[in-house]
Amino acid sequence: MTFSVIYVMCERCGNDIHKYNTCNYCKRKVCVNCVKSSRRVSKVIRLVICKDDWSKLPSRKAFKSATKE
């Protein structure tokens, strides 16, 4: 049996990745290197912000003030 590994491209840097996170603010699939920060708002909700959105002040403000909704 041969297993083929399916890689996805990071939409920020273009690297091949097999595990990705989706940024909650720009909705792009980003690799671990492109994730600036992540936090768990509740037991099932995890917020991720990429490095591009971290530099945009409204997105960063929304990320830091996020609470359980």
PDB file of N, CA and C in Angstrom:
ATOM      1  N   MET A   1       0.832  -1.178   0.000  1.00  0.00           N
ATOM      2  CA  MET A   1       0.000   0.000   0.000  1.00  0.00           C
ATOM      3  C   MET A   1       0.878   1.243   0.000  1.00  0.00           C
ATOM      4  N   THR A   2       0.489   2.175  -0.806  1.00  0.00           N
ATOM      5  CA  THR A   2       1.209   3.431  -0.876  1.00  0.00           C
ATOM      6  C   THR A   2       0.284   4.548  -0.425  1.00  0.00           C
ATOM      7  N   PHE A   3       0.805   5.369   0.449  1.00  0.00           N
ATOM      8  CA  PHE A   3       0.031   6.500   0.926  1.00  0.00           C
ATOM      9  C   PHE A   3       0.561   7.764   0.262  1.00  0.00           C
ATOM     10  N   SER A   4      -0.336   8.541  -0.235  1.00  0.00           N
ATOM     11  CA  SER A   4       0.074   9.819  -0.794  1.00  0.00           C
ATOM     12  C   SER A   4      -0.330  10.924   0.175  1.00  0.00           C
ATOM     13  N   VAL A   5       0.604  11.778   0.460  1.00  0.00           N
ATOM     14  CA  VAL A   5       0.366  12.870   1.389  1.00  0.00           C
ATOM     15  C   VAL A   5      -0.063  14.079   0.571  1.00  0.00           C
ATOM     16  N   ILE A   6      -1.170  14.657   0.956  1.00  0.00           N
ATOM     17  CA  ILE A   6      -1.678  15.830   0.266  1.00  0.00           C
ATOM     18  C   ILE A   6      -1.228  17.064   1.031  1.00  0.00           C
ATOM     19  N   TYR A   7      -0.491  17.917   0.355  1.00  0.00           N
ATOM     20  CA  TYR A   7      -0.023  19.146   0.965  1.00  0.00           C
ATOM     21  C   TYR A   7      -0.872  20.315   0.486  1.00  0.00           C
ATOM     22  N   VAL A   8      -1.046  21.265   1.340  1.00  0.00           N
ATOM     23  CA  VAL A   8      -1.769  22.490   1.029  1.00  0.00           C
ATOM     24  C   VAL A   8      -0.743  23.614   1.044  1.00  0.00           C
ATOM     25  N   MET A   9      -0.919  24.609   0.203  1.00  0.00           N
ATOM     26  CA  MET A   9      -0.003  25.746   0.206  1.00  0.00           C
ATOM     27  C   MET A   9      -0.480  26.794   1.195  1.00  0.00           C
ATOM     28  N   CYS A  10       0.478  27.346   1.924  1.00  0.00           N
ATOM     29  CA  CYS A  10       0.183  28.474   2.802  1.00  0.00           C
ATOM     30  C   CYS A  10      -0.158  29.670   1.919  1.00  0.00           C
ATOM     31  N   GLU A  11      -1.266  30.318   2.205  1.00  0.00           N
ATOM     32  CA  GLU A  11      -1.712  31.433   1.370  1.00  0.00           C
ATOM     33  C   GLU A  11      -0.986  32.730   1.693  1.00  0.00           C
ATOM     34  N   ARG A  12      -0.119  32.716   2.696  1.00  0.00           N
ATOM     35  CA  ARG A  12       0.653  33.918   3.017  1.00  0.00           C
ATOM     36  C   ARG A  12       2.071  33.820   2.477  1.00  0.00           C
ATOM     37  N   CYS A  13       2.768  32.709   2.762  1.00  0.00           N
ATOM     38  CA  CYS A  13       4.173  32.612   2.350  1.00  0.00           C
ATOM     39  C   CYS A  13       4.390  31.661   1.174  1.00  0.00           C
ATOM     40  N   GLY A  14       3.458  30.782   0.887  1.00  0.00           N
ATOM     41  CA  GLY A  14       3.571  29.889  -0.260  1.00  0.00           C
ATOM     42  C   GLY A  14       4.251  28.560   0.022  1.00  0.00           C
ATOM     43  N   ASN A  15       4.598  28.270   1.262  1.00  0.00           N
ATOM     44  CA  ASN A  15       5.224  26.992   1.599  1.00  0.00           C
ATOM     45  C   ASN A  15       4.206  25.864   1.569  1.00  0.00           C
ATOM     46  N   ASP A  16       4.686  24.638   1.311  1.00  0.00           N
ATOM     47  CA  ASP A  16       3.828  23.456   1.379  1.00  0.00           C
ATOM     48  C   ASP A  16       3.648  23.073   2.842  1.00  0.00           C
ATOM     49  N   ILE A  17       2.412  22.864   3.259  1.00  0.00           N
ATOM     50  CA  ILE A  17       2.127  22.518   4.643  1.00  0.00           C
ATOM     51  C   ILE A  17       1.152  21.354   4.677  1.00  0.00           C
ATOM     52  N   HIS A  18       1.223  20.540   5.700  1.00  0.00           N
ATOM     53  CA  HIS A  18       0.258  19.459   5.858  1.00  0.00           C
ATOM     54  C   HIS A  18      -0.717  19.740   6.990  1.00  0.00           C
ATOM     55  N   LYS A  19      -0.402  20.698   7.834  1.00  0.00           N
ATOM     56  CA  LYS A  19      -1.322  21.119   8.891  1.00  0.00           C
ATOM     57  C   LYS A  19      -1.395  22.637   8.849  1.00  0.00           C
ATOM     58  N   TYR A  20      -2.589  23.155   8.785  1.00  0.00           N
ATOM     59  CA  TYR A  20      -2.731  24.603   8.675  1.00  0.00           C
ATOM     60  C   TYR A  20      -3.760  25.111   9.675  1.00  0.00           C
ATOM     61  N   ASN A  21      -3.697  26.389   9.917  1.00  0.00           N
ATOM     62  CA  ASN A  21      -4.693  27.094  10.716  1.00  0.00           C
ATOM     63  C   ASN A  21      -5.346  28.130   9.820  1.00  0.00           C
ATOM     64  N   THR A  22      -6.592  28.426  10.059  1.00  0.00           N
ATOM     65  CA  THR A  22      -7.290  29.447   9.297  1.00  0.00           C
ATOM     66  C   THR A  22      -7.362  30.713  10.130  1.00  0.00           C
ATOM     67  N   CYS A  23      -6.870  31.796   9.563  1.00  0.00           N
ATOM     68  CA  CYS A  23      -6.914  33.087  10.256  1.00  0.00           C
ATOM     69  C   CYS A  23      -8.373  33.528  10.360  1.00  0.00           C
ATOM     70  N   ASN A  24      -8.773  33.947  11.539  1.00  0.00           N
ATOM     71  CA  ASN A  24     -10.168  34.334  11.752  1.00  0.00           C
ATOM     72  C   ASN A  24     -10.504  35.704  11.196  1.00  0.00           C
ATOM     73  N   TYR A  25      -9.518  36.446  10.728  1.00  0.00           N
ATOM     74  CA  TYR A  25      -9.769  37.812  10.280  1.00  0.00           C
ATOM     75  C   TYR A  25      -9.647  37.964   8.768  1.00  0.00           C
ATOM     76  N   CYS A  26      -8.721  37.258   8.111  1.00  0.00           N
ATOM     77  CA  CYS A  26      -8.625  37.328   6.649  1.00  0.00           C
ATOM     78  C   CYS A  26      -9.059  36.027   5.991  1.00  0.00           C
ATOM     79  N   LYS A  27      -9.347  34.983   6.790  1.00  0.00           N
ATOM     80  CA  LYS A  27      -9.844  33.685   6.329  1.00  0.00           C
ATOM     81  C   LYS A  27      -8.868  32.950   5.411  1.00  0.00           C
ATOM     82  N   ARG A  28      -7.563  33.227   5.541  1.00  0.00           N
ATOM     83  CA  ARG A  28      -6.563  32.523   4.745  1.00  0.00           C
ATOM     84  C   ARG A  28      -6.031  31.324   5.516  1.00  0.00           C
ATOM     85  N   LYS A  29      -5.593  30.292   4.789  1.00  0.00           N
ATOM     86  CA  LYS A  29      -4.951  29.141   5.389  1.00  0.00           C
ATOM     87  C   LYS A  29      -3.478  29.475   5.569  1.00  0.00           C
ATOM     88  N   VAL A  30      -3.016  29.493   6.817  1.00  0.00           N
ATOM     89  CA  VAL A  30      -1.648  29.886   7.106  1.00  0.00           C
ATOM     90  C   VAL A  30      -0.925  28.775   7.854  1.00  0.00           C
ATOM     91  N   CYS A  31       0.391  28.718   7.650  1.00  0.00           N
ATOM     92  CA  CYS A  31       1.214  27.714   8.320  1.00  0.00           C
ATOM     93  C   CYS A  31       1.548  28.189   9.743  1.00  0.00           C
ATOM     94  N   VAL A  32       2.241  27.350  10.475  1.00  0.00           N
ATOM     95  CA  VAL A  32       2.588  27.662  11.858  1.00  0.00           C
ATOM     96  C   VAL A  32       3.530  28.862  11.919  1.00  0.00           C
ATOM     97  N   ASN A  33       4.417  29.008  10.925  1.00  0.00           N
ATOM     98  CA  ASN A  33       5.351  30.136  10.930  1.00  0.00           C
ATOM     99  C   ASN A  33       4.654  31.465  10.688  1.00  0.00           C
ATOM    100  N   CYS A  34       3.528  31.467  10.006  1.00  0.00           N
ATOM    101  CA  CYS A  34       2.819  32.703   9.678  1.00  0.00           C
ATOM    102  C   CYS A  34       1.797  33.101  10.739  1.00  0.00           C
ATOM    103  N   VAL A  35       1.553  32.229  11.720  1.00  0.00           N
ATOM    104  CA  VAL A  35       0.621  32.553  12.802  1.00  0.00           C
ATOM    105  C   VAL A  35       1.342  33.425  13.812  1.00  0.00           C
ATOM    106  N   LYS A  36       0.794  34.594  14.071  1.00  0.00           N
ATOM    107  CA  LYS A  36       1.394  35.493  15.054  1.00  0.00           C
ATOM    108  C   LYS A  36       0.966  35.118  16.467  1.00  0.00           C
ATOM    109  N   SER A  37      -0.332  34.851  16.636  1.00  0.00           N
ATOM    110  CA  SER A  37      -0.836  34.528  17.960  1.00  0.00           C
ATOM    111  C   SER A  37      -2.121  33.719  17.836  1.00  0.00           C
ATOM    112  N   SER A  38      -2.398  32.946  18.860  1.00  0.00           N
ATOM    113  CA  SER A  38      -3.658  32.214  18.924  1.00  0.00           C
ATOM    114  C   SER A  38      -4.084  32.163  20.381  1.00  0.00           C
ATOM    115  N   ARG A  39      -5.377  32.125  20.575  1.00  0.00           N
ATOM    116  CA  ARG A  39      -5.886  32.046  21.941  1.00  0.00           C
ATOM    117  C   ARG A  39      -7.175  31.251  21.950  1.00  0.00           C
ATOM    118  N   ARG A  40      -7.412  30.615  23.069  1.00  0.00           N
ATOM    119  CA  ARG A  40      -8.608  29.816  23.250  1.00  0.00           C
ATOM    120  C   ARG A  40      -9.615  30.668  24.017  1.00  0.00           C
ATOM    121  N   VAL A  41     -10.706  31.031  23.325  1.00  0.00           N
ATOM    122  CA  VAL A  41     -11.727  31.875  23.934  1.00  0.00           C
ATOM    123  C   VAL A  41     -12.614  31.049  24.851  1.00  0.00           C
ATOM    124  N   SER A  42     -12.954  29.861  24.412  1.00  0.00           N
ATOM    125  CA  SER A  42     -13.696  28.919  25.248  1.00  0.00           C
ATOM    126  C   SER A  42     -13.118  27.533  24.984  1.00  0.00           C
ATOM    127  N   LYS A  43     -13.756  26.510  25.487  1.00  0.00           N
ATOM    128  CA  LYS A  43     -13.216  25.158  25.317  1.00  0.00           C
ATOM    129  C   LYS A  43     -13.209  24.711  23.859  1.00  0.00           C
ATOM    130  N   VAL A  44     -14.110  25.232  23.049  1.00  0.00           N
ATOM    131  CA  VAL A  44     -14.203  24.778  21.656  1.00  0.00           C
ATOM    132  C   VAL A  44     -13.853  25.847  20.629  1.00  0.00           C
ATOM    133  N   ILE A  45     -13.710  27.091  21.057  1.00  0.00           N
ATOM    134  CA  ILE A  45     -13.424  28.182  20.117  1.00  0.00           C
ATOM    135  C   ILE A  45     -11.974  28.616  20.277  1.00  0.00           C
ATOM    136  N   ARG A  46     -11.211  28.551  19.172  1.00  0.00           N
ATOM    137  CA  ARG A  46      -9.811  28.963  19.165  1.00  0.00           C
ATOM    138  C   ARG A  46      -9.630  30.021  18.093  1.00  0.00           C
ATOM    139  N   LEU A  47      -9.142  31.181  18.478  1.00  0.00           N
ATOM    140  CA  LEU A  47      -8.921  32.265  17.540  1.00  0.00           C
ATOM    141  C   LEU A  47      -7.466  32.286  17.102  1.00  0.00           C
ATOM    142  N   VAL A  48      -7.253  32.519  15.802  1.00  0.00           N
ATOM    143  CA  VAL A  48      -5.913  32.585  15.231  1.00  0.00           C
ATOM    144  C   VAL A  48      -5.807  33.883  14.458  1.00  0.00           C
ATOM    145  N   ILE A  49      -4.672  34.582  14.610  1.00  0.00           N
ATOM    146  CA  ILE A  49      -4.421  35.793  13.842  1.00  0.00           C
ATOM    147  C   ILE A  49      -3.060  35.651  13.160  1.00  0.00           C
ATOM    148  N   CYS A  50      -3.002  35.982  11.875  1.00  0.00           N
ATOM    149  CA  CYS A  50      -1.754  35.858  11.123  1.00  0.00           C
ATOM    150  C   CYS A  50      -0.923  37.127  11.284  1.00  0.00           C
ATOM    151  N   LYS A  51       0.312  37.081  10.805  1.00  0.00           N
ATOM    152  CA  LYS A  51       1.225  38.209  10.968  1.00  0.00           C
ATOM    153  C   LYS A  51       0.781  39.426  10.168  1.00  0.00           C
ATOM    154  N   ASP A  52       0.123  39.213   9.022  1.00  0.00           N
ATOM    155  CA  ASP A  52      -0.364  40.348   8.230  1.00  0.00           C
ATOM    156  C   ASP A  52      -1.474  41.095   8.961  1.00  0.00           C
ATOM    157  N   ASP A  53      -2.410  40.346   9.559  1.00  0.00           N
ATOM    158  CA  ASP A  53      -3.513  40.989  10.275  1.00  0.00           C
ATOM    159  C   ASP A  53      -3.066  41.575  11.609  1.00  0.00           C
ATOM    160  N   TRP A  54      -1.976  41.060  12.173  1.00  0.00           N
ATOM    161  CA  TRP A  54      -1.462  41.617  13.416  1.00  0.00           C
ATOM    162  C   TRP A  54      -0.991  43.053  13.215  1.00  0.00           C
ATOM    163  N   SER A  55      -0.512  43.359  12.000  1.00  0.00           N
ATOM    164  CA  SER A  55      -0.038  44.712  11.726  1.00  0.00           C
ATOM    165  C   SER A  55      -1.181  45.684  11.437  1.00  0.00           C
ATOM    166  N   LYS A  56      -2.381  45.171  11.218  1.00  0.00           N
ATOM    167  CA  LYS A  56      -3.561  46.025  11.022  1.00  0.00           C
ATOM    168  C   LYS A  56      -4.213  46.235  12.388  1.00  0.00           C
ATOM    169  N   LEU A  57      -4.224  47.463  12.828  1.00  0.00           N
ATOM    170  CA  LEU A  57      -4.666  47.761  14.194  1.00  0.00           C
ATOM    171  C   LEU A  57      -6.114  47.363  14.498  1.00  0.00           C
ATOM    172  N   PRO A  58      -7.096  47.556  13.592  1.00  0.00           N
ATOM    173  CA  PRO A  58      -8.460  47.120  13.925  1.00  0.00           C
ATOM    174  C   PRO A  58      -8.580  45.602  14.137  1.00  0.00           C
ATOM    175  N   SER A  59      -7.843  44.822  13.340  1.00  0.00           N
ATOM    176  CA  SER A  59      -7.883  43.364  13.507  1.00  0.00           C
ATOM    177  C   SER A  59      -7.233  42.953  14.825  1.00  0.00           C
ATOM    178  N   ARG A  60      -6.116  43.565  15.155  1.00  0.00           N
ATOM    179  CA  ARG A  60      -5.430  43.241  16.407  1.00  0.00           C
ATOM    180  C   ARG A  60      -6.279  43.613  17.610  1.00  0.00           C
ATOM    181  N   LYS A  61      -6.949  44.768  17.533  1.00  0.00           N
ATOM    182  CA  LYS A  61      -7.817  45.210  18.626  1.00  0.00           C
ATOM    183  C   LYS A  61      -8.984  44.235  18.820  1.00  0.00           C
ATOM    184  N   ALA A  62      -9.553  43.768  17.715  1.00  0.00           N
ATOM    185  CA  ALA A  62     -10.662  42.809  17.797  1.00  0.00           C
ATOM    186  C   ALA A  62     -10.169  41.481  18.370  1.00  0.00           C
ATOM    187  N   PHE A  63      -8.949  41.055  18.020  1.00  0.00           N
ATOM    188  CA  PHE A  63      -8.396  39.810  18.533  1.00  0.00           C
ATOM    189  C   PHE A  63      -8.153  39.898  20.040  1.00  0.00           C
ATOM    190  N   LYS A  64      -7.582  41.002  20.489  1.00  0.00           N
ATOM    191  CA  LYS A  64      -7.247  41.142  21.907  1.00  0.00           C
ATOM    192  C   LYS A  64      -8.485  41.316  22.777  1.00  0.00           C
ATOM    193  N   SER A  65      -9.557  41.879  22.228  1.00  0.00           N
ATOM    194  CA  SER A  65     -10.751  42.090  23.030  1.00  0.00           C
ATOM    195  C   SER A  65     -11.807  41.008  22.816  1.00  0.00           C
ATOM    196  N   ALA A  66     -11.458  39.926  22.152  1.00  0.00           N
ATOM    197  CA  ALA A  66     -12.432  38.858  21.875  1.00  0.00           C
ATOM    198  C   ALA A  66     -12.786  38.119  23.159  1.00  0.00           C
ATOM    199  N   THR A  67     -14.068  37.930  23.339  1.00  0.00           N
ATOM    200  CA  THR A  67     -14.573  37.180  24.481  1.00  0.00           C
ATOM    201  C   THR A  67     -15.537  36.131  23.965  1.00  0.00           C
ATOM    202  N   LYS A  68     -15.996  35.287  24.872  1.00  0.00           N
ATOM    203  CA  LYS A  68     -16.940  34.239  24.508  1.00  0.00           C
ATOM    204  C   LYS A  68     -18.270  34.882  24.104  1.00  0.00           C
ATOM    205  N   GLU A  69     -18.744  34.537  22.914  1.00  0.00           N
ATOM    206  CA  GLU A  69     -19.984  35.131  22.413  1.00  0.00           C
ATOM    207  C   GLU A  69     -21.059  34.097  22.254  1.00  0.00           C
TER     208      GLU A  69
END
